[in-house]
């Protein structure tokens, strides 16, 4: 017992010393360095960093310069850059249309105002088909759930309400709402998807959900939505026109979902007729990759990836005017933290494993830059064993709580708990799992490749002023032109977060064993047998 007391006393002194060192930092000065990167990346000169745009190319050059100044080695296929080839599809609206075909005649849906057309998959130039409403449109074998069992899905469009059934574990719900939904519906013979956003849970108002050019990876073997002939999103304000004659209305369906009750499933009385005229062009947009080599020759081949996406929405035409989306928090903030973490880690002792710093392109296009990266690793990337991803971490108030997505999926959860404990920061699990944030940024590309990962948000408690600030930001600034450098931001707290990320990366890179999935993790299924993580084509072996 005495030995245990001495051990705990020693541990206490270590924690006190770490807390004292943390408190002694000049966080305001560090925050100003972080903010200088944000201010440049979100400046009008970079025009919102749209994937492949001139503004994005300038942003990539800036990050490469910062990596070089920090002392990182180039790790891309062309210096610090890993070019990613894309095909860009745009809808020729003048020659495209969506109509409801009813017994009373055809009813057009106005493009943009009533319906959005996604050009992912293999869009049909012209198609008319019946439709069915299939609840949430999910098949989840683990839960014995199948929204389209017994429905006449083959040769039809599947209409569904955005969301998941009550009681479905968040990790399971997140995975099956990804491209997995379409894979299973395609296997059942469906022609396409029609989503109705749930007006009770929409994060982005319809007015900010306009149609944009669609980016696809030029390498067809990396595309995931093959066979999808039609993909529509219907404005909830006009969704009852789609449900006409079925005996159901959107308000009823949304209320059932809110109450956790099952949604009905039924054939629709209307058909949909879609004409899709496309334009395509080639674009190249790079990931930016820097490497800090590990000190242990035996473990330097393993890499801990610290990442953030560099792209945002760019400039979008709306009502005849050009609207700039600066993307200060989404995600100049994460890239600024990436740069500062690289500077801090490069200045310190080298951990045994290598550290890889990556600014991804095309996250806003469906995490395409990170998907390309994990499937086409540059030779210098080694074998990734963990991803620590920073996307829109939202330093809008002091850092008292840190919400960690993926907290209970791998041993990385123990690492972030330990680092936060030393800093006096309380760790929280994802408080809004229904938002599916764990699959909505670049960490999910690593997860699907078998690599444990974490992502982060500044945390808050329910009913607190911080929750109101967070909710207001999502409602008013997320994917909007007001996500700019004029908004109030806690720069010192952002510096504290950056230091936490650097400490986390150093800890993982120095651990005796690489991170591993927990036996209870749903995502453990993606791990590759016999490997601590995944090593894919182009890994230099």
Protein backbone atom coordinates (compact mmCIF):
# COMPACT_ATOMS: atom_id res chain seq x y z
CA UNK A 1 0.00 0.00 0.00
CA UNK A 2 2.84 2.38 0.86
CA UNK A 3 4.40 1.74 -2.55
CA UNK A 4 1.10 2.52 -4.22
CA UNK A 5 0.78 5.76 -2.23
CA UNK A 6 4.28 6.81 -3.30
CA UNK A 7 3.38 6.01 -6.91
CA UNK A 8 0.22 8.08 -6.77
CA UNK A 9 2.13 10.90 -5.03
CA UNK A 10 4.75 10.89 -7.79
CA UNK A 11 2.03 10.86 -10.42
CA UNK A 12 0.40 13.81 -8.68
CA UNK A 13 3.64 15.78 -8.78
CA UNK A 14 3.98 15.05 -12.51
CA UNK A 15 0.45 16.29 -13.13
CA UNK A 16 1.06 19.40 -11.03
CA UNK A 17 4.27 20.14 -12.90
CA UNK A 18 2.51 19.65 -16.26
CA UNK A 19 -0.33 21.93 -15.15
CA UNK A 20 2.15 24.58 -14.00
CA UNK A 21 4.01 24.45 -17.32
CA UNK A 22 0.69 24.72 -19.14
CA UNK A 23 -0.36 27.76 -17.09
CA UNK A 24 2.99 29.47 -17.75
CA UNK A 25 2.51 29.57 -21.50
CA UNK A 26 1.84 32.88 -23.26
CA UNK A 27 -1.33 31.69 -24.94
CA UNK A 28 -2.29 35.09 -26.28
CA UNK A 29 0.95 35.45 -28.21
CA UNK A 30 0.64 31.91 -29.52
CA UNK A 31 -2.95 32.66 -30.47
CA UNK A 32 -1.88 35.64 -32.54
CA UNK A 33 0.54 33.45 -34.50
CA UNK A 34 -2.33 31.01 -35.13
CA UNK A 35 -4.64 33.84 -36.15
CA UNK A 36 -2.16 35.24 -38.68
CA UNK A 37 -2.51 32.02 -40.69
CA UNK A 38 -6.31 32.11 -40.41
CA UNK A 39 -6.41 35.74 -41.52
CA UNK A 40 -4.42 34.98 -44.67
CA UNK A 41 -6.19 31.75 -45.60
CA UNK A 42 -9.65 33.32 -45.11
CA UNK A 43 -8.75 36.59 -46.83
CA UNK A 44 -10.64 37.73 -49.95
CA UNK A 45 -7.46 37.23 -51.99
CA UNK A 46 -7.86 33.46 -51.64
CA UNK A 47 -11.49 33.56 -52.80
CA UNK A 48 -12.76 30.90 -50.41
CA UNK A 49 -10.18 28.25 -51.43
CA UNK A 50 -12.53 26.37 -53.74
CA UNK A 51 -11.06 23.02 -54.79
CA UNK A 52 -8.79 23.49 -57.80
CA UNK A 53 -9.26 27.27 -57.93
CA UNK A 54 -6.47 29.82 -58.19
CA UNK A 55 -7.20 30.79 -54.59
CA UNK A 56 -6.79 27.19 -53.47
CA UNK A 57 -3.49 26.90 -55.33
CA UNK A 58 -2.22 30.00 -53.51
CA UNK A 59 -3.34 28.51 -50.22
CA UNK A 60 -1.51 25.24 -50.98
CA UNK A 61 1.66 27.17 -51.83
CA UNK A 62 1.37 29.03 -48.52
CA UNK A 63 1.03 25.82 -46.51
CA UNK A 64 3.99 24.30 -48.35
CA UNK A 65 6.07 27.39 -47.50
CA UNK A 66 5.06 27.13 -43.85
CA UNK A 67 5.94 23.42 -43.75
CA UNK A 68 9.36 24.21 -45.20
CA UNK A 69 9.92 27.03 -42.70
CA UNK A 70 9.02 24.67 -39.85
CA UNK A 71 11.68 22.22 -41.02
CA UNK A 72 9.45 19.46 -42.39
CA UNK A 73 10.67 17.30 -45.24
CA UNK A 74 8.66 17.24 -48.48
CA UNK A 75 6.53 14.09 -48.59
CA UNK A 76 4.33 14.59 -51.62
CA UNK A 77 4.90 13.15 -55.06
CA UNK A 78 6.01 16.62 -56.22
CA UNK A 79 7.83 18.22 -53.33
CA UNK A 80 5.27 19.07 -50.66
CA UNK A 81 2.39 18.62 -53.11
CA UNK A 82 0.48 15.49 -53.98
CA UNK A 83 -1.57 16.42 -57.08
CA UNK A 84 -5.06 14.96 -57.08
CA UNK A 85 -6.78 14.74 -60.52
CA UNK A 86 -10.51 15.43 -60.65
CA UNK A 87 -13.36 15.56 -63.12
CA UNK A 88 -15.74 18.45 -62.43
CA UNK A 89 -19.38 18.02 -63.40
CA UNK A 90 -21.82 20.88 -63.72
CA UNK A 91 -25.52 20.82 -64.48
CA UNK A 92 -26.61 22.66 -67.60
CA UNK A 93 -29.72 24.06 -65.92
CA UNK A 94 -31.18 25.45 -69.13
CA UNK A 95 -31.44 21.92 -70.51
CA UNK A 96 -32.26 20.08 -67.28
CA UNK A 97 -35.48 19.62 -65.33
CA UNK A 98 -37.24 17.69 -62.56
CA UNK A 99 -40.98 17.04 -62.78
CA UNK A 100 -43.57 15.21 -60.76
CA UNK A 101 -45.79 13.13 -63.02
CA UNK A 102 -49.24 12.89 -61.43
CA UNK A 103 -52.69 11.79 -62.60
CA UNK A 104 -53.49 15.48 -62.92
CA UNK A 105 -50.49 16.16 -65.14
CA UNK A 106 -46.88 17.21 -64.80
CA UNK A 107 -45.74 19.54 -62.03
CA UNK A 108 -42.26 21.04 -62.47
CA UNK A 109 -39.96 21.44 -59.48
CA UNK A 110 -37.80 24.54 -59.76
CA UNK A 111 -34.10 23.74 -59.74
CA UNK A 112 -32.45 25.31 -56.72
CA UNK A 113 -35.67 26.57 -55.14
CA UNK A 114 -37.60 23.28 -54.89
CA UNK A 115 -35.01 20.60 -55.62
CA UNK A 116 -31.25 20.14 -55.78
CA UNK A 117 -29.65 17.76 -58.27
CA UNK A 118 -26.47 15.92 -57.32
CA UNK A 119 -24.44 14.60 -60.22
CA UNK A 120 -22.54 11.90 -58.33
CA UNK A 121 -22.64 8.37 -59.66
CA UNK A 122 -23.69 7.81 -63.26
CA UNK A 123 -26.45 10.38 -63.96
CA UNK A 124 -29.03 9.34 -66.54
CA UNK A 125 -29.53 11.92 -69.33
CA UNK A 126 -33.27 11.28 -69.09
CA UNK A 127 -35.24 9.04 -66.78
CA UNK A 128 -38.83 8.62 -65.65
CA UNK A 129 -39.52 6.16 -62.85
CA UNK A 130 -41.95 5.38 -60.04
CA UNK A 131 -40.88 6.03 -56.46
CA UNK A 132 -41.28 4.49 -53.01
CA UNK A 133 -40.92 6.04 -49.58
CA UNK A 134 -38.57 3.83 -47.57
CA UNK A 135 -38.41 5.48 -44.14
CA UNK A 136 -34.74 6.31 -43.57
CA UNK A 137 -33.64 4.22 -46.55
CA UNK A 138 -31.37 2.06 -44.39
CA UNK A 139 -30.46 -1.59 -44.18
CA UNK A 140 -28.54 -2.27 -40.95
CA UNK A 141 -27.88 -6.00 -40.47
CA UNK A 142 -26.38 -5.49 -36.99
CA UNK A 143 -29.68 -4.08 -35.76
CA UNK A 144 -31.96 -6.35 -37.78
CA UNK A 145 -33.23 -3.22 -39.57
CA UNK A 146 -34.26 -3.00 -43.21
CA UNK A 147 -36.33 -0.04 -44.38
CA UNK A 148 -36.87 -1.46 -47.85
CA UNK A 149 -37.55 -5.12 -47.12
CA UNK A 150 -40.76 -6.07 -48.94
CA UNK A 151 -40.95 -2.75 -50.82
CA UNK A 152 -40.96 -2.77 -54.63
CA UNK A 153 -37.54 -1.09 -54.91
CA UNK A 154 -36.25 -2.58 -58.16
CA UNK A 155 -36.46 -0.11 -61.04
CA UNK A 156 -37.62 2.69 -58.72
CA UNK A 157 -36.34 5.81 -57.01
CA UNK A 158 -36.09 5.51 -53.24
CA UNK A 159 -37.33 8.51 -51.25
CA UNK A 160 -36.22 8.75 -47.64
CA UNK A 161 -36.22 11.12 -44.68
CA UNK A 162 -32.76 12.21 -43.52
CA UNK A 163 -31.92 10.67 -40.16
CA UNK A 164 -31.75 7.30 -38.44
CA UNK A 165 -34.05 5.10 -36.34
CA UNK A 166 -34.11 5.70 -32.60
CA UNK A 167 -31.81 3.51 -30.56
CA UNK A 168 -29.33 2.81 -33.35
CA UNK A 169 -25.76 3.19 -31.98
CA UNK A 170 -24.18 6.35 -33.32
CA UNK A 171 -21.22 4.59 -34.98
CA UNK A 172 -23.52 2.16 -36.75
CA UNK A 173 -25.90 4.93 -37.81
CA UNK A 174 -23.04 7.04 -39.12
CA UNK A 175 -21.57 4.27 -41.26
CA UNK A 176 -24.83 3.22 -42.88
CA UNK A 177 -25.73 6.80 -43.79
CA UNK A 178 -22.56 7.08 -45.86
CA UNK A 179 -22.13 5.59 -49.33
CA UNK A 180 -23.11 2.30 -47.72
CA UNK A 181 -26.76 3.33 -48.01
CA UNK A 182 -26.49 3.45 -51.80
CA UNK A 183 -24.48 0.23 -52.05
CA UNK A 184 -27.29 -1.70 -50.40
CA UNK A 185 -30.08 -0.02 -52.33
CA UNK A 186 -28.20 -0.56 -55.59
CA UNK A 187 -27.96 -4.26 -54.73
CA UNK A 188 -31.74 -4.26 -54.26
CA UNK A 189 -32.20 -2.81 -57.76
CA UNK A 190 -32.92 0.87 -57.00
CA UNK A 191 -32.23 3.47 -59.68
CA UNK A 192 -31.59 6.47 -57.46
CA UNK A 193 -32.06 8.38 -54.22
CA UNK A 194 -34.36 11.25 -53.25
CA UNK A 195 -33.62 12.73 -49.84
CA UNK A 196 -36.02 14.91 -47.85
CA UNK A 197 -34.11 16.82 -45.16
CA UNK A 198 -35.80 16.63 -41.78
CA UNK A 199 -36.87 20.22 -40.99
CA UNK A 200 -36.43 19.48 -37.28
CA UNK A 201 -32.76 18.57 -37.59
CA UNK A 202 -31.41 20.51 -40.61
CA UNK A 203 -28.05 22.11 -39.76
CA UNK A 204 -27.96 24.26 -42.89
CA UNK A 205 -31.05 26.24 -43.97
CA UNK A 206 -32.32 25.44 -47.45
CA UNK A 207 -31.25 28.89 -48.65
CA UNK A 208 -27.58 27.91 -48.05
CA UNK A 209 -27.85 24.53 -49.79
CA UNK A 210 -27.59 25.67 -53.40
CA UNK A 211 -26.32 23.48 -56.24
CA UNK A 212 -22.58 23.51 -56.85
CA UNK A 213 -20.28 21.85 -59.37
CA UNK A 214 -19.56 18.27 -58.34
CA UNK A 215 -16.01 16.95 -58.07
CA UNK A 216 -15.24 13.31 -58.78
CA UNK A 217 -11.88 11.59 -58.61
CA UNK A 218 -10.59 11.11 -62.14
CA UNK A 219 -9.51 7.58 -61.18
CA UNK A 220 -12.77 5.69 -61.68
CA UNK A 221 -11.60 2.81 -59.50
CA UNK A 222 -11.82 5.16 -56.48
CA UNK A 223 -15.42 6.28 -57.10
CA UNK A 224 -18.05 4.98 -54.70
CA UNK A 225 -21.46 5.90 -56.12
CA UNK A 226 -21.41 3.83 -59.29
CA UNK A 227 -24.80 2.96 -60.75
CA UNK A 228 -26.57 5.92 -59.15
CA UNK A 229 -28.76 7.28 -61.96
CA UNK A 230 -30.56 10.05 -60.07
CA UNK A 231 -29.74 11.81 -56.79
CA UNK A 232 -32.10 14.57 -55.62
CA UNK A 233 -32.67 16.58 -52.46
CA UNK A 234 -36.20 17.97 -52.12
CA UNK A 235 -36.95 21.17 -50.23
CA UNK A 236 -39.01 20.24 -47.15
CA UNK A 237 -41.29 23.17 -48.03
CA UNK A 238 -42.53 21.32 -51.13
CA UNK A 239 -42.09 17.72 -49.96
CA UNK A 240 -45.85 17.22 -49.55
CA UNK A 241 -46.18 17.54 -53.31
CA UNK A 242 -44.02 14.44 -53.59
CA UNK A 243 -46.16 12.65 -50.99
CA UNK A 244 -49.46 13.69 -52.59
CA UNK A 245 -52.08 10.92 -52.54
CA UNK A 246 -50.08 8.66 -50.22
CA UNK A 247 -52.07 9.55 -47.10
CA UNK A 248 -48.95 10.94 -45.43
CA UNK A 249 -47.44 14.39 -44.97
CA UNK A 250 -43.93 15.49 -44.04
CA UNK A 251 -45.01 17.00 -40.71
CA UNK A 252 -46.36 13.61 -39.67
CA UNK A 253 -43.19 11.78 -40.72
CA UNK A 254 -40.92 14.30 -38.96
CA UNK A 255 -43.04 14.05 -35.79
CA UNK A 256 -42.78 10.25 -35.82
CA UNK A 257 -39.02 10.51 -36.16
CA UNK A 258 -38.79 13.02 -33.32
CA UNK A 259 -40.81 10.68 -31.10
CA UNK A 260 -38.53 7.76 -31.91
CA UNK A 261 -41.34 5.84 -33.60
CA UNK A 262 -40.92 3.80 -36.81
CA UNK A 263 -41.63 5.55 -40.09
CA UNK A 264 -44.17 4.10 -42.50
CA UNK A 265 -43.04 2.69 -45.85
CA UNK A 266 -45.19 2.92 -48.94
CA UNK A 267 -45.21 3.33 -52.75
CA UNK A 268 -45.76 6.90 -53.91
CA UNK A 269 -48.59 7.86 -56.22
CA UNK A 270 -46.39 10.18 -58.29
CA UNK A 271 -43.58 9.40 -60.67
CA UNK A 272 -40.49 11.51 -61.20
CA UNK A 273 -39.20 12.59 -64.56
CA UNK A 274 -35.63 13.90 -64.61
CA UNK A 275 -33.53 15.38 -67.41
CA UNK A 276 -29.85 15.92 -66.62
CA UNK A 277 -27.59 17.73 -69.07
CA UNK A 278 -23.96 17.70 -67.95
CA UNK A 279 -20.77 19.59 -68.62
CA UNK A 280 -17.43 18.11 -67.54
CA UNK A 281 -13.90 19.46 -67.26
CA UNK A 282 -10.61 18.27 -65.78
CA UNK A 283 -9.10 19.94 -62.70
CA UNK A 284 -6.07 19.19 -60.55
CA UNK A 285 -5.91 20.20 -56.89
CA UNK A 286 -3.15 19.06 -54.51
CA UNK A 287 -2.92 17.72 -51.01
CA UNK A 288 0.00 19.32 -49.13
CA UNK A 289 2.20 16.82 -47.27
CA UNK A 290 5.17 17.37 -44.92
CA UNK A 291 7.11 14.80 -42.90
CA UNK A 292 9.03 14.88 -39.65
CA UNK A 293 11.12 11.68 -39.67
CA UNK A 294 11.01 9.47 -36.60
CA UNK A 295 14.12 8.91 -34.49
CA UNK A 296 13.80 5.12 -34.22
CA UNK A 297 14.84 3.31 -37.42
CA UNK A 298 12.59 0.40 -36.44
CA UNK A 299 9.48 2.53 -36.01
CA UNK A 300 10.08 5.52 -38.29
CA UNK A 301 8.24 3.67 -41.08
CA UNK A 302 5.06 4.02 -39.02
CA UNK A 303 3.53 7.49 -39.25
CA UNK A 304 1.13 9.43 -37.08
CA UNK A 305 -0.90 11.70 -39.38
CA UNK A 306 -2.02 15.16 -38.24
CA UNK A 307 -4.48 16.56 -40.77
CA UNK A 308 -6.89 19.33 -41.69
CA UNK A 309 -8.71 20.18 -44.89
CA UNK A 310 -7.55 23.25 -46.80
CA UNK A 311 -10.44 23.69 -49.22
CA UNK A 312 -13.75 25.48 -48.67
CA UNK A 313 -16.70 26.48 -50.87
CA UNK A 314 -15.01 29.22 -52.88
CA UNK A 315 -17.18 31.74 -54.70
CA UNK A 316 -20.75 30.78 -55.63
CA UNK A 317 -23.16 32.57 -57.95
CA UNK A 318 -26.40 33.40 -56.17
CA UNK A 319 -29.20 35.50 -57.62
CA UNK A 320 -26.87 36.96 -60.20
CA UNK A 321 -24.12 37.97 -57.77
CA UNK A 322 -20.86 36.38 -56.66
CA UNK A 323 -20.89 35.35 -52.99
CA UNK A 324 -17.58 34.66 -51.24
CA UNK A 325 -17.38 31.93 -48.59
CA UNK A 326 -14.19 32.70 -46.62
CA UNK A 327 -14.20 29.53 -44.48
CA UNK A 328 -12.35 31.03 -41.51
CA UNK A 329 -13.45 28.40 -39.01
CA UNK A 330 -14.20 25.84 -41.74
CA UNK A 331 -11.36 25.22 -42.06
CA UNK A 332 -8.64 27.87 -42.11
CA UNK A 333 -8.68 27.39 -38.34
CA UNK A 334 -7.68 23.72 -38.62
CA UNK A 335 -4.95 24.38 -41.18
CA UNK A 336 -3.55 27.18 -38.99
CA UNK A 337 -3.43 24.73 -36.06
CA UNK A 338 -1.77 22.16 -38.34
CA UNK A 339 0.97 24.65 -39.27
CA UNK A 340 1.57 25.71 -35.67
CA UNK A 341 1.59 22.12 -34.41
CA UNK A 342 4.18 21.28 -37.09
CA UNK A 343 6.33 24.20 -35.95
CA UNK A 344 6.11 23.13 -32.29
CA UNK A 345 6.85 19.48 -32.93
CA UNK A 346 9.71 20.14 -35.36
CA UNK A 347 11.39 22.32 -32.72
CA UNK A 348 11.35 19.57 -30.09
CA UNK A 349 12.92 16.11 -29.73
CA UNK A 350 12.01 13.64 -32.46
CA UNK A 351 9.64 10.88 -31.34
CA UNK A 352 10.35 7.28 -32.45
CA UNK A 353 7.61 7.24 -35.11
CA UNK A 354 7.42 9.72 -37.96
CA UNK A 355 4.87 12.53 -38.00
CA UNK A 356 3.04 13.35 -41.21
CA UNK A 357 1.28 16.71 -41.62
CA UNK A 358 -1.35 16.79 -44.37
CA UNK A 359 -3.62 19.58 -45.63
CA UNK A 360 -6.30 17.88 -47.73
CA UNK A 361 -8.11 19.12 -50.78
CA UNK A 362 -11.77 18.45 -51.66
CA UNK A 363 -13.11 17.64 -48.19
CA UNK A 364 -16.14 19.76 -48.99
CA UNK A 365 -16.65 17.60 -52.08
CA UNK A 366 -17.05 14.42 -50.04
CA UNK A 367 -13.65 13.84 -48.41
CA UNK A 368 -12.11 13.11 -51.80
CA UNK A 369 -8.60 14.40 -51.13
CA UNK A 370 -8.17 12.21 -48.06
CA UNK A 371 -9.74 9.20 -49.82
CA UNK A 372 -7.24 9.62 -52.66
CA UNK A 373 -4.43 9.99 -50.13
CA UNK A 374 -5.11 6.76 -48.22
CA UNK A 375 -5.53 4.82 -51.47
CA UNK A 376 -2.55 6.38 -53.24
CA UNK A 377 -0.06 7.01 -50.44
CA UNK A 378 3.09 8.90 -51.45
CA UNK A 379 6.19 6.73 -50.90
CA UNK A 380 7.44 8.96 -48.06
CA UNK A 381 4.13 8.61 -46.20
CA UNK A 382 5.14 5.27 -44.70
CA UNK A 383 2.41 3.28 -42.97
CA UNK A 384 -0.17 5.46 -41.19
CA UNK A 385 -1.07 4.12 -37.74
CA UNK A 386 -3.29 6.99 -36.56
CA UNK A 387 -5.02 10.12 -37.86
CA UNK A 388 -5.57 13.20 -35.69
CA UNK A 389 -7.88 15.41 -37.72
CA UNK A 390 -8.81 19.05 -37.14
CA UNK A 391 -11.88 20.34 -38.92
CA UNK A 392 -13.81 23.35 -37.70
CA UNK A 393 -12.92 22.83 -34.05
CA UNK A 394 -14.68 26.12 -33.23
CA UNK A 395 -12.66 28.08 -30.63
CA UNK A 396 -15.58 30.39 -29.91
CA UNK A 397 -15.11 30.38 -26.11
CA UNK A 398 -12.52 29.22 -23.55
CA UNK A 399 -11.25 25.65 -23.76
CA UNK A 400 -12.74 23.98 -20.71
CA UNK A 401 -14.27 20.97 -22.45
CA UNK A 402 -13.07 19.13 -25.55
CA UNK A 403 -15.57 17.03 -27.47
CA UNK A 404 -13.83 14.10 -29.12
CA UNK A 405 -15.39 12.17 -31.97
CA UNK A 406 -14.20 8.57 -32.02
CA UNK A 407 -13.36 8.77 -28.31
CA UNK A 408 -14.46 5.23 -27.43
CA UNK A 409 -13.47 3.50 -30.65
CA UNK A 410 -9.72 3.02 -30.16
CA UNK A 411 -6.89 3.38 -27.68
CA UNK A 412 -6.46 6.93 -28.97
CA UNK A 413 -9.24 7.75 -26.51
CA UNK A 414 -6.87 6.96 -23.63
CA UNK A 415 -4.21 9.19 -25.17
CA UNK A 416 -6.44 12.25 -25.54
CA UNK A 417 -7.81 11.75 -22.03
CA UNK A 418 -4.27 11.71 -20.62
CA UNK A 419 -3.21 14.83 -22.52
CA UNK A 420 -6.33 16.75 -21.54
CA UNK A 421 -6.04 15.68 -17.91
CA UNK A 422 -2.56 17.26 -17.75
CA UNK A 423 -3.99 20.50 -19.15
CA UNK A 424 -7.08 20.54 -16.93
CA UNK A 425 -9.43 20.12 -19.88
CA UNK A 426 -12.50 17.87 -19.52
CA UNK A 427 -13.00 15.33 -22.32
CA UNK A 428 -16.51 14.77 -23.67
CA UNK A 429 -17.89 12.19 -26.07
CA UNK A 430 -19.91 13.36 -29.08
CA UNK A 431 -23.02 15.01 -27.60
CA UNK A 432 -24.99 15.09 -30.86
CA UNK A 433 -24.29 11.70 -32.46
CA UNK A 434 -27.26 12.14 -34.78
CA UNK A 435 -25.24 14.79 -36.65
CA UNK A 436 -22.87 12.00 -37.81
CA UNK A 437 -19.82 14.24 -37.49
CA UNK A 438 -17.42 11.32 -37.16
CA UNK A 439 -18.03 10.32 -40.80
CA UNK A 440 -18.31 13.86 -42.17
CA UNK A 441 -14.67 14.82 -42.40
CA UNK A 442 -11.34 13.42 -43.50
CA UNK A 443 -10.76 11.18 -40.49
CA UNK A 444 -13.36 8.83 -41.92
CA UNK A 445 -11.19 8.07 -44.95
CA UNK A 446 -8.58 6.74 -42.53
CA UNK A 447 -11.18 4.86 -40.50
CA UNK A 448 -12.39 3.06 -43.61
CA UNK A 449 -8.77 2.19 -44.39
CA UNK A 450 -8.44 0.57 -40.97
CA UNK A 451 -6.57 3.41 -39.26
CA UNK A 452 -7.79 4.61 -35.81
CA UNK A 453 -8.67 8.30 -35.82
CA UNK A 454 -10.02 11.18 -33.75
CA UNK A 455 -11.70 14.51 -34.52
CA UNK A 456 -12.58 17.41 -32.23
CA UNK A 457 -14.89 20.29 -31.30
CA UNK A 458 -14.67 22.73 -28.42
CA UNK A 459 -17.07 21.27 -25.86
CA UNK A 460 -19.91 22.70 -23.81
CA UNK A 461 -22.57 21.59 -21.38
CA UNK A 462 -26.28 21.50 -22.18
CA UNK A 463 -28.09 24.73 -21.39
CA UNK A 464 -24.87 26.70 -21.03
CA UNK A 465 -24.02 30.03 -22.72
CA UNK A 466 -21.38 28.10 -24.69
CA UNK A 467 -24.04 25.81 -26.15
CA UNK A 468 -26.02 28.86 -27.26
CA UNK A 469 -22.91 30.30 -28.94
CA UNK A 470 -22.20 26.97 -30.65
CA UNK A 471 -25.79 26.49 -31.85
CA UNK A 472 -25.98 30.07 -33.07
CA UNK A 473 -22.75 29.64 -35.04
CA UNK A 474 -24.06 26.50 -36.75
CA UNK A 475 -27.36 28.19 -37.59
CA UNK A 476 -25.92 31.49 -38.84
CA UNK A 477 -22.35 30.98 -40.05
CA UNK A 478 -21.81 27.32 -40.97
CA UNK A 479 -21.24 27.12 -44.74
CA UNK A 480 -22.23 30.76 -44.99
CA UNK A 481 -20.49 33.98 -46.06
CA UNK A 482 -20.31 35.13 -42.43
CA UNK A 483 -17.71 32.50 -41.53
CA UNK A 484 -15.14 35.26 -41.89
CA UNK A 485 -12.35 36.98 -39.96
CA UNK A 486 -14.73 39.53 -38.42
CA UNK A 487 -16.40 36.95 -36.17
CA UNK A 488 -15.45 36.73 -32.48
CA UNK A 489 -12.89 33.99 -31.79
CA UNK A 490 -10.95 33.04 -28.66
CA UNK A 491 -7.42 33.07 -30.07
CA UNK A 492 -5.73 32.06 -26.83
CA UNK A 493 -8.04 29.05 -26.56
CA UNK A 494 -7.18 28.10 -30.14
CA UNK A 495 -3.49 28.14 -29.17
CA UNK A 496 -4.23 25.89 -26.21
CA UNK A 497 -6.05 23.46 -28.49
CA UNK A 498 -3.11 23.45 -30.92
CA UNK A 499 -0.72 22.64 -28.08
CA UNK A 500 -2.99 19.78 -26.99
CA UNK A 501 -2.94 18.35 -30.52
CA UNK A 502 0.86 18.60 -30.66
CA UNK A 503 1.17 16.81 -27.30
CA UNK A 504 -1.29 14.14 -28.42
CA UNK A 505 0.65 13.50 -31.63
CA UNK A 506 3.96 13.33 -29.75
CA UNK A 507 2.49 10.89 -27.22
CA UNK A 508 1.09 8.56 -29.89
CA UNK A 509 4.32 8.73 -31.89
CA UNK A 510 6.32 7.75 -28.79
CA UNK A 511 4.08 4.95 -27.48
CA UNK A 512 5.56 1.44 -27.37
CA UNK A 513 2.73 0.09 -29.53
CA UNK A 514 0.69 1.76 -32.27
CA UNK A 515 -2.98 2.59 -31.55
CA UNK A 516 -5.49 -0.22 -31.92
CA UNK A 517 -9.24 -0.48 -32.26
CA UNK A 518 -11.11 -1.50 -29.13
CA UNK A 519 -12.88 -4.89 -29.26
CA UNK A 520 -16.21 -3.09 -28.82
CA UNK A 521 -15.69 -0.70 -31.75
CA UNK A 522 -17.98 -1.01 -34.74
CA UNK A 523 -15.15 0.36 -36.91
CA UNK A 524 -12.81 -2.46 -35.90
CA UNK A 525 -14.20 -4.37 -38.90
CA UNK A 526 -12.12 -2.15 -41.19
CA UNK A 527 -8.81 -3.17 -39.58
CA UNK A 528 -6.61 -5.36 -41.74
CA UNK A 529 -5.55 -8.67 -40.18
CA UNK A 530 -1.94 -8.85 -39.12
CA UNK A 531 -1.29 -5.12 -39.43
CA UNK A 532 -1.45 -2.36 -36.82
CA UNK A 533 -3.08 -0.29 -39.55
CA UNK A 534 -3.50 -0.23 -43.27
CA UNK A 535 -0.78 0.08 -45.89
CA UNK A 536 -2.19 0.54 -49.35
CA UNK A 537 -1.06 0.89 -52.95
CA UNK A 538 1.83 3.27 -53.37
CA UNK A 539 3.12 2.89 -49.82
CA UNK A 540 6.62 2.33 -51.09
CA UNK A 541 6.94 -1.37 -50.29
